[in-house]
Protein backbone atom coordinates (compact mmCIF):
# COMPACT_ATOMS: atom_id res chain seq x y z
CA UNK A 1 0.00 0.00 0.00
CA UNK A 2 1.50 3.39 -0.92
CA UNK A 3 2.13 5.93 1.80
CA UNK A 4 0.04 9.04 2.19
CA UNK A 5 2.15 12.19 1.67
CA UNK A 6 2.56 12.88 5.39
CA UNK A 7 2.72 9.23 6.52
CA UNK A 8 6.02 8.27 8.24
CA UNK A 9 8.37 6.54 5.82
CA UNK A 10 10.71 5.02 8.42
CA UNK A 11 10.40 3.51 11.88
CA UNK A 12 12.28 6.49 13.30
CA UNK A 13 9.73 8.90 11.77
CA UNK A 14 6.89 6.72 13.09
CA UNK A 15 8.40 6.82 16.60
CA UNK A 16 8.76 10.62 16.42
CA UNK A 17 5.11 11.01 15.39
CA UNK A 18 4.02 8.69 18.21
CA UNK A 19 6.09 10.61 20.77
CA UNK A 20 4.52 13.90 19.63
CA UNK A 21 1.07 12.34 19.91
CA UNK A 22 1.78 10.92 23.38
CA UNK A 23 3.03 14.29 24.62
CA UNK A 24 0.06 16.16 23.15
CA UNK A 25 -2.42 13.70 24.64
CA UNK A 26 -0.49 13.40 27.94
CA UNK A 27 -0.53 9.61 27.69
CA UNK A 28 1.35 7.98 30.56
CA UNK A 29 0.68 4.27 29.97
CA UNK A 30 2.93 1.99 27.91
CA UNK A 31 2.30 2.45 24.20
CA UNK A 32 2.90 0.13 21.25
CA UNK A 33 4.45 1.49 18.07
CA UNK A 34 3.90 -0.96 15.24
CA UNK A 35 6.64 -1.88 12.78
CA UNK A 36 6.59 -0.47 9.26
CA UNK A 37 4.82 -3.57 7.94
CA UNK A 38 2.07 -3.08 10.57
CA UNK A 39 2.68 -6.55 12.01
CA UNK A 40 0.75 -5.95 15.25
CA UNK A 41 -2.16 -4.46 13.33
CA UNK A 42 -2.27 -7.55 11.12
CA UNK A 43 -1.95 -9.96 14.07
CA UNK A 44 -4.56 -8.24 16.24
CA UNK A 45 -6.75 -6.77 13.53
CA UNK A 46 -10.22 -6.25 14.87
CA UNK A 47 -12.76 -6.27 12.11
CA UNK A 48 -15.36 -5.51 13.11
CA UNK A 49 -14.12 -3.48 16.08
CA UNK A 50 -12.97 -5.47 19.09
CA UNK A 51 -11.47 -4.73 22.51
CA UNK A 52 -8.19 -6.47 23.36
CA UNK A 53 -6.14 -6.39 26.55
CA UNK A 54 -2.53 -7.50 26.14
CA UNK A 55 -0.51 -8.42 29.24
CA UNK A 56 3.04 -7.23 29.83
CA UNK A 57 4.47 -10.47 28.41
CA UNK A 58 2.71 -9.69 25.12
CA UNK A 59 -0.01 -12.36 25.42
CA UNK A 60 -3.68 -11.62 24.84
CA UNK A 61 -5.27 -11.50 28.29
CA UNK A 62 -8.73 -10.49 27.05
CA UNK A 63 -10.37 -10.67 23.64
CA UNK A 64 -13.82 -9.16 23.52
CA UNK A 65 -16.65 -10.06 21.22
CA UNK A 66 -16.96 -8.21 17.90
CA UNK A 67 -18.34 -4.72 18.33
CA UNK A 68 -19.97 -2.50 18.61
CA UNK A 69 -22.79 -4.68 19.94
CA UNK A 70 -20.37 -7.18 21.46
CA UNK A 71 -18.37 -4.58 23.38
CA UNK A 72 -18.24 -5.18 27.11
CA UNK A 73 -16.06 -2.41 28.54
CA UNK A 74 -16.72 -3.60 32.11
CA UNK A 75 -15.31 -7.04 31.26
CA UNK A 76 -12.19 -5.43 29.75
CA UNK A 77 -11.92 -3.12 32.76
CA UNK A 78 -12.08 -6.13 35.10
CA UNK A 79 -9.23 -7.81 33.22
CA UNK A 80 -7.17 -4.61 33.36
CA UNK A 81 -7.76 -4.41 37.12
CA UNK A 82 -6.54 -8.00 37.48
CA UNK A 83 -3.38 -7.19 35.55
CA UNK A 84 -2.74 -3.76 37.11
CA UNK A 85 -4.01 -3.79 40.69
CA UNK A 86 -4.13 -0.50 42.60
C-alpha atoms as a PDB file:
ATOM      1  CA  UNK A   1       0.000   0.000   0.000  1.00  0.00           C
ATOM      2  CA  UNK A   2       1.503   3.388  -0.925  1.00  0.00           C
ATOM      3  CA  UNK A   3       2.135   5.927   1.798  1.00  0.00           C
ATOM      4  CA  UNK A   4       0.042   9.040   2.189  1.00  0.00           C
ATOM      5  CA  UNK A   5       2.152  12.191   1.670  1.00  0.00           C
ATOM      6  CA  UNK A   6       2.559  12.879   5.393  1.00  0.00           C
ATOM      7  CA  UNK A   7       2.724   9.235   6.516  1.00  0.00           C
ATOM      8  CA  UNK A   8       6.019   8.267   8.244  1.00  0.00           C
ATOM      9  CA  UNK A   9       8.370   6.537   5.822  1.00  0.00           C
ATOM     10  CA  UNK A  10      10.708   5.022   8.415  1.00  0.00           C
ATOM     11  CA  UNK A  11      10.399   3.514  11.880  1.00  0.00           C
ATOM     12  CA  UNK A  12      12.276   6.494  13.300  1.00  0.00           C
ATOM     13  CA  UNK A  13       9.726   8.897  11.769  1.00  0.00           C
ATOM     14  CA  UNK A  14       6.886   6.724  13.094  1.00  0.00           C
ATOM     15  CA  UNK A  15       8.401   6.822  16.601  1.00  0.00           C
ATOM     16  CA  UNK A  16       8.756  10.620  16.420  1.00  0.00           C
ATOM     17  CA  UNK A  17       5.109  11.007  15.394  1.00  0.00           C
ATOM     18  CA  UNK A  18       4.016   8.689  18.211  1.00  0.00           C
ATOM     19  CA  UNK A  19       6.092  10.613  20.770  1.00  0.00           C
ATOM     20  CA  UNK A  20       4.524  13.896  19.626  1.00  0.00           C
ATOM     21  CA  UNK A  21       1.068  12.344  19.906  1.00  0.00           C
ATOM     22  CA  UNK A  22       1.781  10.918  23.377  1.00  0.00           C
ATOM     23  CA  UNK A  23       3.033  14.294  24.617  1.00  0.00           C
ATOM     24  CA  UNK A  24       0.062  16.164  23.148  1.00  0.00           C
ATOM     25  CA  UNK A  25      -2.423  13.701  24.643  1.00  0.00           C
ATOM     26  CA  UNK A  26      -0.494  13.403  27.943  1.00  0.00           C
ATOM     27  CA  UNK A  27      -0.533   9.610  27.692  1.00  0.00           C
ATOM     28  CA  UNK A  28       1.354   7.976  30.560  1.00  0.00           C
ATOM     29  CA  UNK A  29       0.675   4.270  29.971  1.00  0.00           C
ATOM     30  CA  UNK A  30       2.934   1.992  27.911  1.00  0.00           C
ATOM     31  CA  UNK A  31       2.297   2.452  24.204  1.00  0.00           C
ATOM     32  CA  UNK A  32       2.903   0.130  21.254  1.00  0.00           C
ATOM     33  CA  UNK A  33       4.449   1.485  18.075  1.00  0.00           C
ATOM     34  CA  UNK A  34       3.903  -0.958  15.236  1.00  0.00           C
ATOM     35  CA  UNK A  35       6.637  -1.881  12.783  1.00  0.00           C
ATOM     36  CA  UNK A  36       6.593  -0.465   9.264  1.00  0.00           C
ATOM     37  CA  UNK A  37       4.816  -3.569   7.935  1.00  0.00           C
ATOM     38  CA  UNK A  38       2.071  -3.079  10.567  1.00  0.00           C
ATOM     39  CA  UNK A  39       2.681  -6.551  12.011  1.00  0.00           C
ATOM     40  CA  UNK A  40       0.746  -5.953  15.254  1.00  0.00           C
ATOM     41  CA  UNK A  41      -2.161  -4.465  13.331  1.00  0.00           C
ATOM     42  CA  UNK A  42      -2.274  -7.547  11.118  1.00  0.00           C
ATOM     43  CA  UNK A  43      -1.945  -9.963  14.065  1.00  0.00           C
ATOM     44  CA  UNK A  44      -4.559  -8.240  16.238  1.00  0.00           C
ATOM     45  CA  UNK A  45      -6.748  -6.774  13.534  1.00  0.00           C
ATOM     46  CA  UNK A  46     -10.216  -6.252  14.868  1.00  0.00           C
ATOM     47  CA  UNK A  47     -12.756  -6.266  12.112  1.00  0.00           C
ATOM     48  CA  UNK A  48     -15.361  -5.514  13.111  1.00  0.00           C
ATOM     49  CA  UNK A  49     -14.120  -3.483  16.080  1.00  0.00           C
ATOM     50  CA  UNK A  50     -12.971  -5.474  19.091  1.00  0.00           C
ATOM     51  CA  UNK A  51     -11.468  -4.728  22.510  1.00  0.00           C
ATOM     52  CA  UNK A  52      -8.190  -6.469  23.358  1.00  0.00           C
ATOM     53  CA  UNK A  53      -6.140  -6.385  26.546  1.00  0.00           C
ATOM     54  CA  UNK A  54      -2.535  -7.503  26.137  1.00  0.00           C
ATOM     55  CA  UNK A  55      -0.512  -8.418  29.235  1.00  0.00           C
ATOM     56  CA  UNK A  56       3.041  -7.233  29.829  1.00  0.00           C
ATOM     57  CA  UNK A  57       4.473 -10.468  28.412  1.00  0.00           C
ATOM     58  CA  UNK A  58       2.712  -9.694  25.120  1.00  0.00           C
ATOM     59  CA  UNK A  59      -0.014 -12.355  25.423  1.00  0.00           C
ATOM     60  CA  UNK A  60      -3.680 -11.616  24.839  1.00  0.00           C
ATOM     61  CA  UNK A  61      -5.274 -11.498  28.291  1.00  0.00           C
ATOM     62  CA  UNK A  62      -8.727 -10.494  27.054  1.00  0.00           C
ATOM     63  CA  UNK A  63     -10.368 -10.672  23.636  1.00  0.00           C
ATOM     64  CA  UNK A  64     -13.823  -9.158  23.522  1.00  0.00           C
ATOM     65  CA  UNK A  65     -16.653 -10.060  21.221  1.00  0.00           C
ATOM     66  CA  UNK A  66     -16.955  -8.211  17.904  1.00  0.00           C
ATOM     67  CA  UNK A  67     -18.341  -4.720  18.333  1.00  0.00           C
ATOM     68  CA  UNK A  68     -19.967  -2.500  18.610  1.00  0.00           C
ATOM     69  CA  UNK A  69     -22.793  -4.682  19.942  1.00  0.00           C
ATOM     70  CA  UNK A  70     -20.366  -7.176  21.460  1.00  0.00           C
ATOM     71  CA  UNK A  71     -18.370  -4.580  23.382  1.00  0.00           C
ATOM     72  CA  UNK A  72     -18.236  -5.183  27.105  1.00  0.00           C
ATOM     73  CA  UNK A  73     -16.056  -2.414  28.545  1.00  0.00           C
ATOM     74  CA  UNK A  74     -16.720  -3.596  32.106  1.00  0.00           C
ATOM     75  CA  UNK A  75     -15.315  -7.036  31.262  1.00  0.00           C
ATOM     76  CA  UNK A  76     -12.195  -5.435  29.752  1.00  0.00           C
ATOM     77  CA  UNK A  77     -11.921  -3.119  32.763  1.00  0.00           C
ATOM     78  CA  UNK A  78     -12.081  -6.131  35.096  1.00  0.00           C
ATOM     79  CA  UNK A  79      -9.229  -7.814  33.222  1.00  0.00           C
ATOM     80  CA  UNK A  80      -7.169  -4.606  33.362  1.00  0.00           C
ATOM     81  CA  UNK A  81      -7.762  -4.409  37.118  1.00  0.00           C
ATOM     82  CA  UNK A  82      -6.536  -8.003  37.477  1.00  0.00           C
ATOM     83  CA  UNK A  83      -3.385  -7.191  35.551  1.00  0.00           C
ATOM     84  CA  UNK A  84      -2.737  -3.764  37.106  1.00  0.00           C
ATOM     85  CA  UNK A  85      -4.015  -3.794  40.693  1.00  0.00           C
ATOM     86  CA  UNK A  86      -4.128  -0.502  42.600  1.00  0.00           C
END
